[in-house]
Full PDB file with SEQRES, HELIX, SHEET, SSBOND, CRYST1, ORIGX, SCALE, CONECT and MASTER records, all heavy atoms in Angstrom:
SEQRES   1 A   41  VAL TYR VAL THR PHE GLY GLY MET THR ALA THR THR TRP          
SEQRES   2 A   41  VAL GLN ILE ILE LYS ALA CYS LEU LEU LEU GLY GLY GLY          
SEQRES   3 A   41  ILE VAL LEU LEU PHE LEU THR LEU SER GLN PHE GLY TRP          
SEQRES   4 A   41  SER LEU                                                      
HELIX    1 AA1 TYR A    2  SER A   35  1                                  34    
CRYST1    1.000    1.000    1.000  90.00  90.00  90.00 P 1           1          
ORIGX1      1.000000  0.000000  0.000000        0.00000                         
ORIGX2      0.000000  1.000000  0.000000        0.00000                         
ORIGX3      0.000000  0.000000  1.000000        0.00000                         
SCALE1      1.000000  0.000000  0.000000        0.00000                         
SCALE2      0.000000  1.000000  0.000000        0.00000                         
SCALE3      0.000000  0.000000  1.000000        0.00000                         
ATOM      1  N   VAL A   1     -12.817 -17.651   4.506  1.00  0.00           N  
ATOM      2  CA  VAL A   1     -13.576 -17.037   5.606  1.00  0.00           C  
ATOM      3  C   VAL A   1     -13.947 -15.601   5.255  1.00  0.00           C  
ATOM      4  O   VAL A   1     -15.092 -15.169   5.420  1.00  0.00           O  
ATOM      5  CB  VAL A   1     -12.740 -17.070   6.917  1.00  0.00           C  
ATOM      6  CG1 VAL A   1     -13.408 -16.253   8.004  1.00  0.00           C  
ATOM      7  CG2 VAL A   1     -12.550 -18.517   7.375  1.00  0.00           C  
ATOM      8  N   TYR A   2     -12.979 -14.873   4.715  1.00  0.00           N  
ATOM      9  CA  TYR A   2     -13.162 -13.448   4.410  1.00  0.00           C  
ATOM     10  C   TYR A   2     -14.272 -13.231   3.381  1.00  0.00           C  
ATOM     11  O   TYR A   2     -15.170 -12.414   3.574  1.00  0.00           O  
ATOM     12  CB  TYR A   2     -11.832 -12.892   3.878  1.00  0.00           C  
ATOM     13  CG  TYR A   2     -11.751 -11.396   3.942  1.00  0.00           C  
ATOM     14  CD1 TYR A   2     -11.364 -10.771   5.121  1.00  0.00           C  
ATOM     15  CD2 TYR A   2     -12.050 -10.601   2.846  1.00  0.00           C  
ATOM     16  CE1 TYR A   2     -11.285  -9.391   5.197  1.00  0.00           C  
ATOM     17  CE2 TYR A   2     -11.974  -9.229   2.906  1.00  0.00           C  
ATOM     18  CZ  TYR A   2     -11.588  -8.628   4.091  1.00  0.00           C  
ATOM     19  OH  TYR A   2     -11.522  -7.269   4.173  1.00  0.00           O  
ATOM     20  N   VAL A   3     -14.198 -13.991   2.274  1.00  0.00           N  
ATOM     21  CA  VAL A   3     -15.178 -13.809   1.193  1.00  0.00           C  
ATOM     22  C   VAL A   3     -16.540 -14.361   1.588  1.00  0.00           C  
ATOM     23  O   VAL A   3     -17.580 -13.763   1.298  1.00  0.00           O  
ATOM     24  CB  VAL A   3     -14.669 -14.476  -0.108  1.00  0.00           C  
ATOM     25  CG1 VAL A   3     -15.710 -14.355  -1.214  1.00  0.00           C  
ATOM     26  CG2 VAL A   3     -13.368 -13.828  -0.547  1.00  0.00           C  
ATOM     27  N   THR A   4     -16.541 -15.502   2.272  1.00  0.00           N  
ATOM     28  CA  THR A   4     -17.812 -16.131   2.646  1.00  0.00           C  
ATOM     29  C   THR A   4     -18.640 -15.229   3.558  1.00  0.00           C  
ATOM     30  O   THR A   4     -19.848 -15.099   3.391  1.00  0.00           O  
ATOM     31  CB  THR A   4     -17.552 -17.486   3.347  1.00  0.00           C  
ATOM     32  OG1 THR A   4     -16.779 -18.303   2.458  1.00  0.00           O  
ATOM     33  CG2 THR A   4     -18.843 -18.198   3.674  1.00  0.00           C  
ATOM     34  N   PHE A   5     -17.972 -14.582   4.516  1.00  0.00           N  
ATOM     35  CA  PHE A   5     -18.721 -13.777   5.489  1.00  0.00           C  
ATOM     36  C   PHE A   5     -18.731 -12.272   5.169  1.00  0.00           C  
ATOM     37  O   PHE A   5     -19.622 -11.555   5.596  1.00  0.00           O  
ATOM     38  CB  PHE A   5     -18.168 -14.004   6.901  1.00  0.00           C  
ATOM     39  CG  PHE A   5     -18.353 -15.410   7.379  1.00  0.00           C  
ATOM     40  CD1 PHE A   5     -17.281 -16.294   7.420  1.00  0.00           C  
ATOM     41  CD2 PHE A   5     -19.602 -15.875   7.748  1.00  0.00           C  
ATOM     42  CE1 PHE A   5     -17.460 -17.609   7.842  1.00  0.00           C  
ATOM     43  CE2 PHE A   5     -19.787 -17.190   8.177  1.00  0.00           C  
ATOM     44  CZ  PHE A   5     -18.716 -18.063   8.223  1.00  0.00           C  
ATOM     45  N   GLY A   6     -17.737 -11.802   4.408  1.00  0.00           N  
ATOM     46  CA  GLY A   6     -17.649 -10.360   4.140  1.00  0.00           C  
ATOM     47  C   GLY A   6     -18.237  -9.929   2.821  1.00  0.00           C  
ATOM     48  O   GLY A   6     -18.746  -8.820   2.694  1.00  0.00           O  
ATOM     49  N   GLY A   7     -18.149 -10.804   1.804  1.00  0.00           N  
ATOM     50  CA  GLY A   7     -18.709 -10.489   0.498  1.00  0.00           C  
ATOM     51  C   GLY A   7     -18.029  -9.303  -0.177  1.00  0.00           C  
ATOM     52  O   GLY A   7     -16.891  -8.960   0.102  1.00  0.00           O  
ATOM     53  N   MET A   8     -18.774  -8.660  -1.088  1.00  0.00           N  
ATOM     54  CA  MET A   8     -18.231  -7.580  -1.909  1.00  0.00           C  
ATOM     55  C   MET A   8     -17.836  -6.361  -1.067  1.00  0.00           C  
ATOM     56  O   MET A   8     -16.837  -5.697  -1.352  1.00  0.00           O  
ATOM     57  CB  MET A   8     -19.262  -7.169  -2.961  1.00  0.00           C  
ATOM     58  CG  MET A   8     -18.727  -6.219  -4.011  1.00  0.00           C  
ATOM     59  SD  MET A   8     -17.239  -6.845  -4.819  1.00  0.00           S  
ATOM     60  CE  MET A   8     -17.378  -6.155  -6.429  1.00  0.00           C  
ATOM     61  N   THR A   9     -18.607  -6.062  -0.037  1.00  0.00           N  
ATOM     62  CA  THR A   9     -18.319  -4.883   0.796  1.00  0.00           C  
ATOM     63  C   THR A   9     -16.950  -5.013   1.458  1.00  0.00           C  
ATOM     64  O   THR A   9     -16.112  -4.106   1.387  1.00  0.00           O  
ATOM     65  CB  THR A   9     -19.398  -4.708   1.888  1.00  0.00           C  
ATOM     66  OG1 THR A   9     -20.674  -4.683   1.246  1.00  0.00           O  
ATOM     67  CG2 THR A   9     -19.200  -3.415   2.645  1.00  0.00           C  
ATOM     68  N   ALA A  10     -16.709  -6.157   2.088  1.00  0.00           N  
ATOM     69  CA  ALA A  10     -15.422  -6.376   2.758  1.00  0.00           C  
ATOM     70  C   ALA A  10     -14.278  -6.387   1.748  1.00  0.00           C  
ATOM     71  O   ALA A  10     -13.213  -5.806   1.990  1.00  0.00           O  
ATOM     72  CB  ALA A  10     -15.461  -7.698   3.529  1.00  0.00           C  
ATOM     73  N   THR A  11     -14.508  -7.027   0.595  1.00  0.00           N  
ATOM     74  CA  THR A  11     -13.472  -7.112  -0.431  1.00  0.00           C  
ATOM     75  C   THR A  11     -13.114  -5.724  -0.964  1.00  0.00           C  
ATOM     76  O   THR A  11     -11.954  -5.405  -1.199  1.00  0.00           O  
ATOM     77  CB  THR A  11     -13.944  -8.013  -1.592  1.00  0.00           C  
ATOM     78  OG1 THR A  11     -14.368  -9.259  -1.057  1.00  0.00           O  
ATOM     79  CG2 THR A  11     -12.839  -8.279  -2.578  1.00  0.00           C  
ATOM     80  N   THR A  12     -14.133  -4.878  -1.149  1.00  0.00           N  
ATOM     81  CA  THR A  12     -13.899  -3.519  -1.654  1.00  0.00           C  
ATOM     82  C   THR A  12     -13.134  -2.681  -0.630  1.00  0.00           C  
ATOM     83  O   THR A  12     -12.183  -1.969  -0.971  1.00  0.00           O  
ATOM     84  CB  THR A  12     -15.241  -2.839  -2.003  1.00  0.00           C  
ATOM     85  OG1 THR A  12     -15.931  -3.651  -2.960  1.00  0.00           O  
ATOM     86  CG2 THR A  12     -15.023  -1.456  -2.584  1.00  0.00           C  
ATOM     87  N   TRP A  13     -13.520  -2.774   0.629  1.00  0.00           N  
ATOM     88  CA  TRP A  13     -12.849  -1.972   1.661  1.00  0.00           C  
ATOM     89  C   TRP A  13     -11.399  -2.384   1.862  1.00  0.00           C  
ATOM     90  O   TRP A  13     -10.520  -1.542   2.043  1.00  0.00           O  
ATOM     91  CB  TRP A  13     -13.619  -2.037   2.985  1.00  0.00           C  
ATOM     92  CG  TRP A  13     -14.655  -0.960   3.048  1.00  0.00           C  
ATOM     93  CD1 TRP A  13     -16.001  -1.095   2.954  1.00  0.00           C  
ATOM     94  CD2 TRP A  13     -14.402   0.451   3.173  1.00  0.00           C  
ATOM     95  NE1 TRP A  13     -16.611   0.141   3.011  1.00  0.00           N  
ATOM     96  CE2 TRP A  13     -15.665   1.104   3.150  1.00  0.00           C  
ATOM     97  CE3 TRP A  13     -13.253   1.229   3.291  1.00  0.00           C  
ATOM     98  CZ2 TRP A  13     -15.791   2.487   3.244  1.00  0.00           C  
ATOM     99  CZ3 TRP A  13     -13.370   2.608   3.378  1.00  0.00           C  
ATOM    100  CH2 TRP A  13     -14.636   3.221   3.358  1.00  0.00           C  
ATOM    101  N   VAL A  14     -11.129  -3.691   1.803  1.00  0.00           N  
ATOM    102  CA  VAL A  14      -9.737  -4.117   1.965  1.00  0.00           C  
ATOM    103  C   VAL A  14      -8.903  -3.646   0.770  1.00  0.00           C  
ATOM    104  O   VAL A  14      -7.735  -3.292   0.896  1.00  0.00           O  
ATOM    105  CB  VAL A  14      -9.618  -5.651   2.203  1.00  0.00           C  
ATOM    106  CG1 VAL A  14      -9.772  -6.448   0.931  1.00  0.00           C  
ATOM    107  CG2 VAL A  14      -8.266  -5.988   2.847  1.00  0.00           C  
ATOM    108  N   GLN A  15      -9.544  -3.562  -0.413  1.00  0.00           N  
ATOM    109  CA  GLN A  15      -8.853  -3.033  -1.599  1.00  0.00           C  
ATOM    110  C   GLN A  15      -8.504  -1.559  -1.404  1.00  0.00           C  
ATOM    111  O   GLN A  15      -7.400  -1.111  -1.726  1.00  0.00           O  
ATOM    112  CB  GLN A  15      -9.750  -3.170  -2.845  1.00  0.00           C  
ATOM    113  CG  GLN A  15      -9.933  -4.592  -3.333  1.00  0.00           C  
ATOM    114  CD  GLN A  15      -8.803  -5.063  -4.227  1.00  0.00           C  
ATOM    115  OE1 GLN A  15      -7.768  -4.416  -4.330  1.00  0.00           O  
ATOM    116  NE2 GLN A  15      -8.983  -6.198  -4.869  1.00  0.00           N  
ATOM    117  N   ILE A  16      -9.461  -0.776  -0.897  1.00  0.00           N  
ATOM    118  CA  ILE A  16      -9.247   0.664  -0.699  1.00  0.00           C  
ATOM    119  C   ILE A  16      -8.118   0.902   0.309  1.00  0.00           C  
ATOM    120  O   ILE A  16      -7.188   1.679   0.065  1.00  0.00           O  
ATOM    121  CB  ILE A  16     -10.548   1.338  -0.210  1.00  0.00           C  
ATOM    122  CG1 ILE A  16     -11.611   1.321  -1.318  1.00  0.00           C  
ATOM    123  CG2 ILE A  16     -10.286   2.784   0.225  1.00  0.00           C  
ATOM    124  CD1 ILE A  16     -13.010   1.659  -0.832  1.00  0.00           C  
ATOM    125  N   ILE A  17      -8.195   0.205   1.442  1.00  0.00           N  
ATOM    126  CA  ILE A  17      -7.203   0.403   2.512  1.00  0.00           C  
ATOM    127  C   ILE A  17      -5.814  -0.036   2.061  1.00  0.00           C  
ATOM    128  O   ILE A  17      -4.824   0.677   2.237  1.00  0.00           O  
ATOM    129  CB  ILE A  17      -7.637  -0.349   3.796  1.00  0.00           C  
ATOM    130  CG1 ILE A  17      -8.910   0.300   4.369  1.00  0.00           C  
ATOM    131  CG2 ILE A  17      -6.529  -0.338   4.838  1.00  0.00           C  
ATOM    132  CD1 ILE A  17      -9.652  -0.555   5.368  1.00  0.00           C  
ATOM    133  N   LYS A  18      -5.738  -1.208   1.423  1.00  0.00           N  
ATOM    134  CA  LYS A  18      -4.404  -1.708   1.018  1.00  0.00           C  
ATOM    135  C   LYS A  18      -3.815  -0.827  -0.075  1.00  0.00           C  
ATOM    136  O   LYS A  18      -2.600  -0.651  -0.146  1.00  0.00           O  
ATOM    137  CB  LYS A  18      -4.465  -3.178   0.598  1.00  0.00           C  
ATOM    138  CG  LYS A  18      -5.180  -3.493  -0.702  1.00  0.00           C  
ATOM    139  CD  LYS A  18      -4.292  -3.489  -1.915  1.00  0.00           C  
ATOM    140  CE  LYS A  18      -5.133  -3.726  -3.164  1.00  0.00           C  
ATOM    141  NZ  LYS A  18      -4.387  -3.530  -4.402  1.00  0.00           N  
ATOM    142  N   ALA A  19      -4.649  -0.246  -0.962  1.00  0.00           N  
ATOM    143  CA  ALA A  19      -4.130   0.624  -2.024  1.00  0.00           C  
ATOM    144  C   ALA A  19      -3.465   1.860  -1.420  1.00  0.00           C  
ATOM    145  O   ALA A  19      -2.370   2.264  -1.838  1.00  0.00           O  
ATOM    146  CB  ALA A  19      -5.252   1.028  -2.972  1.00  0.00           C  
ATOM    147  N   CYS A  20      -4.115   2.459  -0.429  1.00  0.00           N  
ATOM    148  CA  CYS A  20      -3.549   3.641   0.242  1.00  0.00           C  
ATOM    149  C   CYS A  20      -2.242   3.278   0.957  1.00  0.00           C  
ATOM    150  O   CYS A  20      -1.239   3.994   0.844  1.00  0.00           O  
ATOM    151  CB  CYS A  20      -4.549   4.211   1.253  1.00  0.00           C  
ATOM    152  SG  CYS A  20      -6.048   4.862   0.496  1.00  0.00           S  
ATOM    153  N   LEU A  21      -2.251   2.158   1.681  1.00  0.00           N  
ATOM    154  CA  LEU A  21      -1.053   1.731   2.416  1.00  0.00           C  
ATOM    155  C   LEU A  21       0.088   1.346   1.469  1.00  0.00           C  
ATOM    156  O   LEU A  21       1.256   1.655   1.712  1.00  0.00           O  
ATOM    157  CB  LEU A  21      -1.381   0.545   3.329  1.00  0.00           C  
ATOM    158  CG  LEU A  21      -2.310   0.836   4.516  1.00  0.00           C  
ATOM    159  CD1 LEU A  21      -2.660  -0.458   5.230  1.00  0.00           C  
ATOM    160  CD2 LEU A  21      -1.655   1.812   5.499  1.00  0.00           C  
ATOM    161  N   LEU A  22      -0.269   0.693   0.365  1.00  0.00           N  
ATOM    162  CA  LEU A  22       0.737   0.237  -0.603  1.00  0.00           C  
ATOM    163  C   LEU A  22       1.405   1.432  -1.277  1.00  0.00           C  
ATOM    164  O   LEU A  22       2.637   1.495  -1.393  1.00  0.00           O  
ATOM    165  CB  LEU A  22       0.079  -0.663  -1.644  1.00  0.00           C  
ATOM    166  CG  LEU A  22       0.990  -1.415  -2.611  1.00  0.00           C  
ATOM    167  CD1 LEU A  22       1.851  -2.411  -1.867  1.00  0.00           C  
ATOM    168  CD2 LEU A  22       0.165  -2.138  -3.658  1.00  0.00           C  
ATOM    169  N   LEU A  23       0.607   2.397  -1.719  1.00  0.00           N  
ATOM    170  CA  LEU A  23       1.156   3.602  -2.341  1.00  0.00           C  
ATOM    171  C   LEU A  23       2.020   4.385  -1.350  1.00  0.00           C  
ATOM    172  O   LEU A  23       3.133   4.795  -1.661  1.00  0.00           O  
ATOM    173  CB  LEU A  23       0.022   4.495  -2.858  1.00  0.00           C  
ATOM    174  CG  LEU A  23      -0.488   4.214  -4.267  1.00  0.00           C  
ATOM    175  CD1 LEU A  23      -1.744   5.020  -4.534  1.00  0.00           C  
ATOM    176  CD2 LEU A  23       0.560   4.550  -5.310  1.00  0.00           C  
ATOM    177  N   GLY A  24       1.473   4.573  -0.144  1.00  0.00           N  
ATOM    178  CA  GLY A  24       2.199   5.312   0.889  1.00  0.00           C  
ATOM    179  C   GLY A  24       3.500   4.629   1.264  1.00  0.00           C  
ATOM    180  O   GLY A  24       4.568   5.251   1.301  1.00  0.00           O  
ATOM    181  N   GLY A  25       3.426   3.312   1.523  1.00  0.00           N  
ATOM    182  CA  GLY A  25       4.617   2.542   1.902  1.00  0.00           C  
ATOM    183  C   GLY A  25       5.652   2.525   0.794  1.00  0.00           C  
ATOM    184  O   GLY A  25       6.860   2.667   1.047  1.00  0.00           O  
ATOM    185  N   GLY A  26       5.195   2.371  -0.450  1.00  0.00           N  
ATOM    186  CA  GLY A  26       6.111   2.349  -1.597  1.00  0.00           C  
ATOM    187  C   GLY A  26       6.846   3.668  -1.767  1.00  0.00           C  
ATOM    188  O   GLY A  26       8.052   3.699  -2.040  1.00  0.00           O  
ATOM    189  N   ILE A  27       6.118   4.783  -1.589  1.00  0.00           N  
ATOM    190  CA  ILE A  27       6.732   6.110  -1.744  1.00  0.00           C  
ATOM    191  C   ILE A  27       7.721   6.383  -0.607  1.00  0.00           C  
ATOM    192  O   ILE A  27       8.801   6.937  -0.829  1.00  0.00           O  
ATOM    193  CB  ILE A  27       5.633   7.195  -1.846  1.00  0.00           C  
ATOM    194  CG1 ILE A  27       4.917   7.043  -3.191  1.00  0.00           C  
ATOM    195  CG2 ILE A  27       6.221   8.596  -1.715  1.00  0.00           C  
ATOM    196  CD1 ILE A  27       3.622   7.808  -3.320  1.00  0.00           C  
ATOM    197  N   VAL A  28       7.380   5.971   0.628  1.00  0.00           N  
ATOM    198  CA  VAL A  28       8.320   6.128   1.746  1.00  0.00           C  
ATOM    199  C   VAL A  28       9.595   5.320   1.472  1.00  0.00           C  
ATOM    200  O   VAL A  28      10.716   5.798   1.689  1.00  0.00           O  
ATOM    201  CB  VAL A  28       7.671   5.680   3.080  1.00  0.00           C  
ATOM    202  CG1 VAL A  28       8.707   5.590   4.192  1.00  0.00           C  
ATOM    203  CG2 VAL A  28       6.561   6.655   3.483  1.00  0.00           C  
ATOM    204  N   LEU A  29       9.417   4.093   0.972  1.00  0.00           N  
ATOM    205  CA  LEU A  29      10.580   3.252   0.639  1.00  0.00           C  
ATOM    206  C   LEU A  29      11.421   3.893  -0.466  1.00  0.00           C  
ATOM    207  O   LEU A  29      12.654   3.829  -0.442  1.00  0.00           O  
ATOM    208  CB  LEU A  29      10.106   1.854   0.221  1.00  0.00           C  
ATOM    209  CG  LEU A  29      11.189   0.809  -0.071  1.00  0.00           C  
ATOM    210  CD1 LEU A  29      12.134   0.632   1.112  1.00  0.00           C  
ATOM    211  CD2 LEU A  29      10.556  -0.535  -0.440  1.00  0.00           C  
ATOM    212  N   LEU A  30      10.740   4.526  -1.425  1.00  0.00           N  
ATOM    213  CA  LEU A  30      11.440   5.249  -2.499  1.00  0.00           C  
ATOM    214  C   LEU A  30      12.344   6.340  -1.916  1.00  0.00           C  
ATOM    215  O   LEU A  30      13.527   6.445  -2.266  1.00  0.00           O  
ATOM    216  CB  LEU A  30      10.405   5.872  -3.442  1.00  0.00           C  
ATOM    217  CG  LEU A  30      10.894   6.924  -4.439  1.00  0.00           C  
ATOM    218  CD1 LEU A  30      11.542   6.256  -5.637  1.00  0.00           C  
ATOM    219  CD2 LEU A  30       9.765   7.819  -4.908  1.00  0.00           C  
ATOM    220  N   PHE A  31      11.782   7.153  -1.002  1.00  0.00           N  
ATOM    221  CA  PHE A  31      12.559   8.246  -0.396  1.00  0.00           C  
ATOM    222  C   PHE A  31      13.714   7.705   0.457  1.00  0.00           C  
ATOM    223  O   PHE A  31      14.825   8.231   0.420  1.00  0.00           O  
ATOM    224  CB  PHE A  31      11.651   9.145   0.449  1.00  0.00           C  
ATOM    225  CG  PHE A  31      10.725  10.002  -0.370  1.00  0.00           C  
ATOM    226  CD1 PHE A  31       9.411  10.221   0.023  1.00  0.00           C  
ATOM    227  CD2 PHE A  31      11.161  10.600  -1.542  1.00  0.00           C  
ATOM    228  CE1 PHE A  31       8.550  11.013  -0.734  1.00  0.00           C  
ATOM    229  CE2 PHE A  31      10.314  11.400  -2.317  1.00  0.00           C  
ATOM    230  CZ  PHE A  31       9.013  11.606  -1.910  1.00  0.00           C  
ATOM    231  N   LEU A  32      13.450   6.643   1.231  1.00  0.00           N  
ATOM    232  CA  LEU A  32      14.508   6.056   2.058  1.00  0.00           C  
ATOM    233  C   LEU A  32      15.640   5.505   1.197  1.00  0.00           C  
ATOM    234  O   LEU A  32      16.817   5.614   1.545  1.00  0.00           O  
ATOM    235  CB  LEU A  32      13.923   4.925   2.930  1.00  0.00           C  
ATOM    236  CG  LEU A  32      13.021   5.349   4.088  1.00  0.00           C  
ATOM    237  CD1 LEU A  32      12.355   4.131   4.719  1.00  0.00           C  
ATOM    238  CD2 LEU A  32      13.812   6.119   5.151  1.00  0.00           C  
ATOM    239  N   THR A  33      15.261   4.919   0.040  1.00  0.00           N  
ATOM    240  CA  THR A  33      16.274   4.377  -0.877  1.00  0.00           C  
ATOM    241  C   THR A  33      17.096   5.504  -1.502  1.00  0.00           C  
ATOM    242  O   THR A  33      18.327   5.444  -1.536  1.00  0.00           O  
ATOM    243  CB  THR A  33      15.596   3.531  -1.984  1.00  0.00           C  
ATOM    244  OG1 THR A  33      14.833   2.488  -1.371  1.00  0.00           O  
ATOM    245  CG2 THR A  33      16.619   2.916  -2.929  1.00  0.00           C  
ATOM    246  N   LEU A  34      16.398   6.536  -1.995  1.00  0.00           N  
ATOM    247  CA  LEU A  34      17.105   7.658  -2.627  1.00  0.00           C  
ATOM    248  C   LEU A  34      18.039   8.375  -1.644  1.00  0.00           C  
ATOM    249  O   LEU A  34      19.092   8.874  -2.023  1.00  0.00           O  
ATOM    250  CB  LEU A  34      16.094   8.651  -3.218  1.00  0.00           C  
ATOM    251  CG  LEU A  34      15.493   8.286  -4.581  1.00  0.00           C  
ATOM    252  CD1 LEU A  34      14.436   9.294  -4.992  1.00  0.00           C  
ATOM    253  CD2 LEU A  34      16.562   8.192  -5.662  1.00  0.00           C  
ATOM    254  N   SER A  35      17.629   8.408  -0.358  1.00  0.00           N  
ATOM    255  CA  SER A  35      18.456   9.096   0.648  1.00  0.00           C  
ATOM    256  C   SER A  35      19.823   8.424   0.815  1.00  0.00           C  
ATOM    257  O   SER A  35      20.785   9.043   1.255  1.00  0.00           O  
ATOM    258  CB  SER A  35      17.726   9.143   1.995  1.00  0.00           C  
ATOM    259  OG  SER A  35      17.644   7.849   2.567  1.00  0.00           O  
ATOM    260  N   GLN A  36      19.882   7.125   0.455  1.00  0.00           N  
ATOM    261  CA  GLN A  36      21.158   6.394   0.552  1.00  0.00           C  
ATOM    262  C   GLN A  36      22.135   6.802  -0.554  1.00  0.00           C  
ATOM    263  O   GLN A  36      23.314   6.472  -0.509  1.00  0.00           O  
ATOM    264  CB  GLN A  36      20.901   4.877   0.438  1.00  0.00           C  
ATOM    265  CG  GLN A  36      19.899   4.321   1.421  1.00  0.00           C  
ATOM    266  CD  GLN A  36      20.487   4.105   2.804  1.00  0.00           C  
ATOM    267  OE1 GLN A  36      21.598   3.613   2.942  1.00  0.00           O  
ATOM    268  NE2 GLN A  36      19.766   4.502   3.839  1.00  0.00           N  
ATOM    269  N   PHE A  37      21.626   7.492  -1.577  1.00  0.00           N  
ATOM    270  CA  PHE A  37      22.455   7.859  -2.729  1.00  0.00           C  
ATOM    271  C   PHE A  37      22.472   9.371  -2.955  1.00  0.00           C  
ATOM    272  O   PHE A  37      22.597   9.840  -4.089  1.00  0.00           O  
ATOM    273  CB  PHE A  37      21.932   7.149  -3.993  1.00  0.00           C  
ATOM    274  CG  PHE A  37      21.968   5.654  -3.875  1.00  0.00           C  
ATOM    275  CD1 PHE A  37      20.851   4.961  -3.383  1.00  0.00           C  
ATOM    276  CD2 PHE A  37      23.098   4.923  -4.209  1.00  0.00           C  
ATOM    277  CE1 PHE A  37      20.880   3.574  -3.254  1.00  0.00           C  
ATOM    278  CE2 PHE A  37      23.123   3.546  -4.081  1.00  0.00           C  
ATOM    279  CZ  PHE A  37      22.024   2.863  -3.590  1.00  0.00           C  
ATOM    280  N   GLY A  38      22.308  10.116  -1.857  1.00  0.00           N  
ATOM    281  CA  GLY A  38      22.356  11.574  -1.952  1.00  0.00           C  
ATOM    282  C   GLY A  38      21.240  12.149  -2.799  1.00  0.00           C  
ATOM    283  O   GLY A  38      21.424  13.184  -3.440  1.00  0.00           O  
ATOM    284  N   TRP A  39      20.103  11.474  -2.840  1.00  0.00           N  
ATOM    285  CA  TRP A  39      18.912  11.896  -3.594  1.00  0.00           C  
ATOM    286  C   TRP A  39      19.194  12.021  -5.098  1.00  0.00           C  
ATOM    287  O   TRP A  39      18.525  12.766  -5.809  1.00  0.00           O  
ATOM    288  CB  TRP A  39      18.347  13.223  -3.057  1.00  0.00           C  
ATOM    289  CG  TRP A  39      18.047  13.148  -1.599  1.00  0.00           C  
ATOM    290  CD1 TRP A  39      18.856  13.555  -0.573  1.00  0.00           C  
ATOM    291  CD2 TRP A  39      16.888  12.581  -0.993  1.00  0.00           C  
ATOM    292  NE1 TRP A  39      18.271  13.286   0.643  1.00  0.00           N  
ATOM    293  CE2 TRP A  39      17.050  12.696   0.414  1.00  0.00           C  
ATOM    294  CE3 TRP A  39      15.717  11.998  -1.482  1.00  0.00           C  
ATOM    295  CZ2 TRP A  39      16.110  12.241   1.321  1.00  0.00           C  
ATOM    296  CZ3 TRP A  39      14.770  11.545  -0.594  1.00  0.00           C  
ATOM    297  CH2 TRP A  39      14.969  11.662   0.804  1.00  0.00           C  
ATOM    298  N   SER A  40      20.179  11.275  -5.573  1.00  0.00           N  
ATOM    299  CA  SER A  40      20.552  11.351  -6.989  1.00  0.00           C  
ATOM    300  C   SER A  40      20.188  10.058  -7.712  1.00  0.00           C  
ATOM    301  O   SER A  40      20.703   8.984  -7.388  1.00  0.00           O  
ATOM    302  CB  SER A  40      22.058  11.596  -7.117  1.00  0.00           C  
ATOM    303  OG  SER A  40      22.492  11.382  -8.456  1.00  0.00           O  
ATOM    304  N   LEU A  41      19.305  10.167  -8.711  1.00  0.00           N  
ATOM    305  CA  LEU A  41      18.948   8.999  -9.520  1.00  0.00           C  
ATOM    306  C   LEU A  41      20.159   8.516 -10.318  1.00  0.00           C  
ATOM    307  O   LEU A  41      20.360   7.320 -10.514  1.00  0.00           O  
ATOM    308  CB  LEU A  41      17.806   9.345 -10.487  1.00  0.00           C  
ATOM    309  CG  LEU A  41      16.403   9.428  -9.888  1.00  0.00           C  
ATOM    310  CD1 LEU A  41      15.426   9.975 -10.915  1.00  0.00           C  
ATOM    311  CD2 LEU A  41      15.912   8.068  -9.401  1.00  0.00           C  
TER     312      LEU A  41                                                      
MASTER        0    0    0    1    0    0    0    6  311    1    0    4          
END                                                                             
């Protein structure tokens, strides 16, 4: 449904949005994980 009706424009925008959310979410998870170990790798 997504590709048939949205085409390249929709596919590109979902890529942009998910990249920002993925990077942001991953970095927040990184900080939350490190906080469990006194910020020590």
